[in-house]
Amino acid sequence: MKKAATGGPSAKAAEGLAAVEAYLAAVPEPGRGTLEKIRAVIRSAAPAEATEAISYGMPAFKYKGGLLAYAAFKNHCSLFPMSLAVIAQFENELKAFQTSKGTLQFPLDKPLSSALVKKLVKAKVAENEAKKK
């Protein structure tokens, strides 16, 4: 999370975090618990400088551009790696899931494996870092 000169999170980062918390609070179970697990894994794998915000109406992590977003819908949860190349890179590992252009869908009550989410985060971080050079 970005730090302001005062040593705390910047106002913009704090605002984004509050918006994400409000989004999650509005999601009924079991979707909320599933998204909270996904969020924790993304946070653990993302660089310390990554920030959280609402993007396109969904919670998202940003690091040198969009990193990953996630959301709950009526019948499933989705993870958005924000990259067709990253989805293609893990095509074999994603065969068990419903995928479409830019999204990975999974059951409301069954979060993706931590290992898979971490791989997706690391791949997207690498992609973003390569673009910013």
C-alpha atoms as a PDB file:
ATOM      1  CA  MET A   1       0.000   0.000   0.000  1.00  0.00           C
ATOM      2  CA  LYS A   2       1.300   3.475  -0.810  1.00  0.00           C
ATOM      3  CA  LYS A   3       2.382   5.523   2.161  1.00  0.00           C
ATOM      4  CA  ALA A   4       1.730   9.231   2.516  1.00  0.00           C
ATOM      5  CA  ALA A   5       4.337  11.563   3.982  1.00  0.00           C
ATOM      6  CA  THR A   6       2.685  11.096   7.373  1.00  0.00           C
ATOM      7  CA  GLY A   7       3.603   7.415   7.370  1.00  0.00           C
ATOM      8  CA  GLY A   8       0.038   6.140   6.950  1.00  0.00           C
ATOM      9  CA  PRO A   9      -1.670   4.963   3.797  1.00  0.00           C
ATOM     10  CA  SER A  10      -2.308   7.683   1.227  1.00  0.00           C
ATOM     11  CA  ALA A  11      -5.842   9.100   1.141  1.00  0.00           C
ATOM     12  CA  LYS A  12      -6.458   7.547  -2.265  1.00  0.00           C
ATOM     13  CA  ALA A  13      -5.232   4.118  -1.115  1.00  0.00           C
ATOM     14  CA  ALA A  14      -7.351   4.316   2.050  1.00  0.00           C
ATOM     15  CA  GLU A  15     -10.385   5.302  -0.040  1.00  0.00           C
ATOM     16  CA  GLY A  16      -9.817   2.322  -2.358  1.00  0.00           C
ATOM     17  CA  LEU A  17      -9.456  -0.028   0.585  1.00  0.00           C
ATOM     18  CA  ALA A  18     -12.692   1.267   2.131  1.00  0.00           C
ATOM     19  CA  ALA A  19     -14.514   0.763  -1.177  1.00  0.00           C
ATOM     20  CA  VAL A  20     -13.235  -2.833  -1.415  1.00  0.00           C
ATOM     21  CA  GLU A  21     -14.328  -3.511   2.172  1.00  0.00           C
ATOM     22  CA  ALA A  22     -17.795  -2.116   1.391  1.00  0.00           C
ATOM     23  CA  TYR A  23     -18.050  -4.295  -1.737  1.00  0.00           C
ATOM     24  CA  LEU A  24     -17.119  -7.433   0.195  1.00  0.00           C
ATOM     25  CA  ALA A  25     -19.515  -6.602   3.044  1.00  0.00           C
ATOM     26  CA  ALA A  26     -22.375  -6.533   0.528  1.00  0.00           C
ATOM     27  CA  VAL A  27     -21.590  -9.997  -0.912  1.00  0.00           C
ATOM     28  CA  PRO A  28     -23.682 -12.770   0.666  1.00  0.00           C
ATOM     29  CA  GLU A  29     -22.061 -15.988   1.876  1.00  0.00           C
ATOM     30  CA  PRO A  30     -20.609 -18.256   0.626  1.00  0.00           C
ATOM     31  CA  GLY A  31     -19.307 -15.821  -2.017  1.00  0.00           C
ATOM     32  CA  ARG A  32     -17.923 -13.355   0.535  1.00  0.00           C
ATOM     33  CA  GLY A  33     -15.743 -15.947   2.242  1.00  0.00           C
ATOM     34  CA  THR A  34     -14.502 -17.216  -1.106  1.00  0.00           C
ATOM     35  CA  LEU A  35     -13.572 -13.710  -2.260  1.00  0.00           C
ATOM     36  CA  GLU A  36     -11.899 -12.919   1.058  1.00  0.00           C
ATOM     37  CA  LYS A  37      -9.673 -15.998   0.605  1.00  0.00           C
ATOM     38  CA  ILE A  38      -8.826 -14.969  -2.972  1.00  0.00           C
ATOM     39  CA  ARG A  39      -8.068 -11.424  -1.790  1.00  0.00           C
ATOM     40  CA  ALA A  40      -5.744 -12.673   0.956  1.00  0.00           C
ATOM     41  CA  VAL A  41      -3.808 -14.852  -1.491  1.00  0.00           C
ATOM     42  CA  ILE A  42      -3.470 -12.018  -4.017  1.00  0.00           C
ATOM     43  CA  ARG A  43      -2.297  -9.669  -1.254  1.00  0.00           C
ATOM     44  CA  SER A  44       0.297 -12.216  -0.076  1.00  0.00           C
ATOM     45  CA  ALA A  45       1.679 -12.743  -3.588  1.00  0.00           C
ATOM     46  CA  ALA A  46       1.532  -9.161  -4.868  1.00  0.00           C
ATOM     47  CA  PRO A  47       4.365  -6.681  -4.321  1.00  0.00           C
ATOM     48  CA  ALA A  48       4.089  -4.573  -1.163  1.00  0.00           C
ATOM     49  CA  GLU A  49       3.485  -1.490  -3.340  1.00  0.00           C
ATOM     50  CA  ALA A  50       0.281  -2.955  -4.813  1.00  0.00           C
ATOM     51  CA  THR A  51      -2.870  -1.032  -3.947  1.00  0.00           C
ATOM     52  CA  GLU A  52      -6.521  -2.038  -3.807  1.00  0.00           C
ATOM     53  CA  ALA A  53      -9.371  -0.170  -5.442  1.00  0.00           C
ATOM     54  CA  ILE A  54     -12.673  -0.657  -7.185  1.00  0.00           C
ATOM     55  CA  SER A  55     -12.192  -0.932 -10.949  1.00  0.00           C
ATOM     56  CA  TYR A  56     -15.106  -1.482 -13.316  1.00  0.00           C
ATOM     57  CA  GLY A  57     -17.286  -2.018 -10.238  1.00  0.00           C
ATOM     58  CA  MET A  58     -15.102  -4.851  -8.881  1.00  0.00           C
ATOM     59  CA  PRO A  59     -12.368  -5.104  -6.246  1.00  0.00           C
ATOM     60  CA  ALA A  60      -8.990  -4.960  -7.930  1.00  0.00           C
ATOM     61  CA  PHE A  61      -5.307  -4.848  -7.152  1.00  0.00           C
ATOM     62  CA  LYS A  62      -3.114  -2.401  -9.025  1.00  0.00           C
ATOM     63  CA  TYR A  63       0.625  -2.541  -9.488  1.00  0.00           C
ATOM     64  CA  LYS A  64       2.189  -0.732 -12.435  1.00  0.00           C
ATOM     65  CA  GLY A  65      -1.268  -0.951 -14.011  1.00  0.00           C
ATOM     66  CA  GLY A  66      -4.108  -3.367 -13.391  1.00  0.00           C
ATOM     67  CA  LEU A  67      -3.031  -6.559 -11.646  1.00  0.00           C
ATOM     68  CA  LEU A  68      -6.066  -8.747 -10.918  1.00  0.00           C
ATOM     69  CA  ALA A  69      -9.718  -8.135 -10.122  1.00  0.00           C
ATOM     70  CA  TYR A  70     -12.280 -10.458  -8.572  1.00  0.00           C
ATOM     71  CA  ALA A  71     -16.034 -10.438  -8.131  1.00  0.00           C
ATOM     72  CA  ALA A  72     -19.041 -12.430  -6.993  1.00  0.00           C
ATOM     73  CA  PHE A  73     -22.074 -12.996  -9.166  1.00  0.00           C
ATOM     74  CA  LYS A  74     -25.341 -14.807  -8.534  1.00  0.00           C
ATOM     75  CA  ASN A  75     -24.054 -18.290  -9.432  1.00  0.00           C
ATOM     76  CA  HIS A  76     -20.251 -18.010  -9.426  1.00  0.00           C
ATOM     77  CA  CYS A  77     -17.182 -15.994  -8.525  1.00  0.00           C
ATOM     78  CA  SER A  78     -14.729 -14.698 -11.090  1.00  0.00           C
ATOM     79  CA  LEU A  79     -11.073 -13.819 -11.160  1.00  0.00           C
ATOM     80  CA  PHE A  80      -9.922 -11.389 -13.827  1.00  0.00           C
ATOM     81  CA  PRO A  81      -6.180 -11.602 -14.551  1.00  0.00           C
ATOM     82  CA  MET A  82      -6.589  -8.603 -16.895  1.00  0.00           C
ATOM     83  CA  SER A  83      -4.473 -10.411 -19.478  1.00  0.00           C
ATOM     84  CA  LEU A  84      -5.311 -12.883 -22.211  1.00  0.00           C
ATOM     85  CA  ALA A  85      -1.620 -13.838 -22.299  1.00  0.00           C
ATOM     86  CA  VAL A  86      -1.625 -14.826 -18.616  1.00  0.00           C
ATOM     87  CA  ILE A  87      -4.787 -16.909 -19.095  1.00  0.00           C
ATOM     88  CA  ALA A  88      -3.191 -18.604 -22.115  1.00  0.00           C
ATOM     89  CA  GLN A  89       0.029 -19.231 -20.154  1.00  0.00           C
ATOM     90  CA  PHE A  90      -1.890 -21.343 -17.616  1.00  0.00           C
ATOM     91  CA  GLU A  91      -4.320 -22.920 -20.075  1.00  0.00           C
ATOM     92  CA  ASN A  92      -3.635 -26.477 -18.890  1.00  0.00           C
ATOM     93  CA  GLU A  93      -4.107 -25.602 -15.209  1.00  0.00           C
ATOM     94  CA  LEU A  94      -7.334 -23.746 -15.989  1.00  0.00           C
ATOM     95  CA  LYS A  95      -9.044 -26.556 -17.919  1.00  0.00           C
ATOM     96  CA  ALA A  96     -11.208 -27.483 -14.921  1.00  0.00           C
ATOM     97  CA  PHE A  97     -12.709 -23.988 -14.824  1.00  0.00           C
ATOM     98  CA  GLN A  98     -15.088 -22.060 -17.014  1.00  0.00           C
ATOM     99  CA  THR A  99     -13.036 -19.418 -18.793  1.00  0.00           C
ATOM    100  CA  SER A 100     -14.007 -16.717 -21.209  1.00  0.00           C
ATOM    101  CA  LYS A 101     -12.321 -13.640 -22.581  1.00  0.00           C
ATOM    102  CA  GLY A 102     -10.374 -12.330 -19.619  1.00  0.00           C
ATOM    103  CA  THR A 103     -12.162 -14.180 -16.825  1.00  0.00           C
ATOM    104  CA  LEU A 104     -11.878 -17.355 -14.830  1.00  0.00           C
ATOM    105  CA  GLN A 105     -15.120 -18.543 -13.208  1.00  0.00           C
ATOM    106  CA  PHE A 106     -15.381 -20.829 -10.191  1.00  0.00           C
ATOM    107  CA  PRO A 107     -18.098 -21.924  -7.732  1.00  0.00           C
ATOM    108  CA  LEU A 108     -19.240 -19.505  -5.019  1.00  0.00           C
ATOM    109  CA  ASP A 109     -18.208 -21.959  -2.313  1.00  0.00           C
ATOM    110  CA  LYS A 110     -14.925 -23.235  -3.788  1.00  0.00           C
ATOM    111  CA  PRO A 111     -12.063 -20.754  -4.030  1.00  0.00           C
ATOM    112  CA  LEU A 112      -9.293 -21.345  -6.518  1.00  0.00           C
ATOM    113  CA  SER A 113      -6.212 -23.008  -5.075  1.00  0.00           C
ATOM    114  CA  SER A 114      -3.769 -20.631  -3.423  1.00  0.00           C
ATOM    115  CA  ALA A 115      -0.957 -22.039  -5.561  1.00  0.00           C
ATOM    116  CA  LEU A 116      -2.819 -21.257  -8.790  1.00  0.00           C
ATOM    117  CA  VAL A 117      -3.759 -17.735  -7.702  1.00  0.00           C
ATOM    118  CA  LYS A 118      -0.146 -17.040  -6.685  1.00  0.00           C
ATOM    119  CA  LYS A 119       1.085 -18.216 -10.098  1.00  0.00           C
ATOM    120  CA  LEU A 120      -1.410 -15.914 -11.833  1.00  0.00           C
ATOM    121  CA  VAL A 121      -0.362 -12.953  -9.656  1.00  0.00           C
ATOM    122  CA  LYS A 122       3.357 -13.556 -10.280  1.00  0.00           C
ATOM    123  CA  ALA A 123       2.786 -13.870 -14.038  1.00  0.00           C
ATOM    124  CA  LYS A 124       0.763 -10.664 -14.149  1.00  0.00           C
ATOM    125  CA  VAL A 125       3.340  -8.788 -12.031  1.00  0.00           C
ATOM    126  CA  ALA A 126       6.060  -9.900 -14.467  1.00  0.00           C
ATOM    127  CA  GLU A 127       3.929  -8.808 -17.429  1.00  0.00           C
ATOM    128  CA  ASN A 128       3.268  -5.375 -15.886  1.00  0.00           C
ATOM    129  CA  GLU A 129       6.916  -4.867 -14.980  1.00  0.00           C
ATOM    130  CA  ALA A 130       7.994  -5.760 -18.524  1.00  0.00           C
ATOM    131  CA  LYS A 131       5.549  -3.208 -19.969  1.00  0.00           C
ATOM    132  CA  LYS A 132       6.790  -0.400 -17.709  1.00  0.00           C
ATOM    133  CA  LYS A 133      10.465  -0.692 -18.723  1.00  0.00           C
END
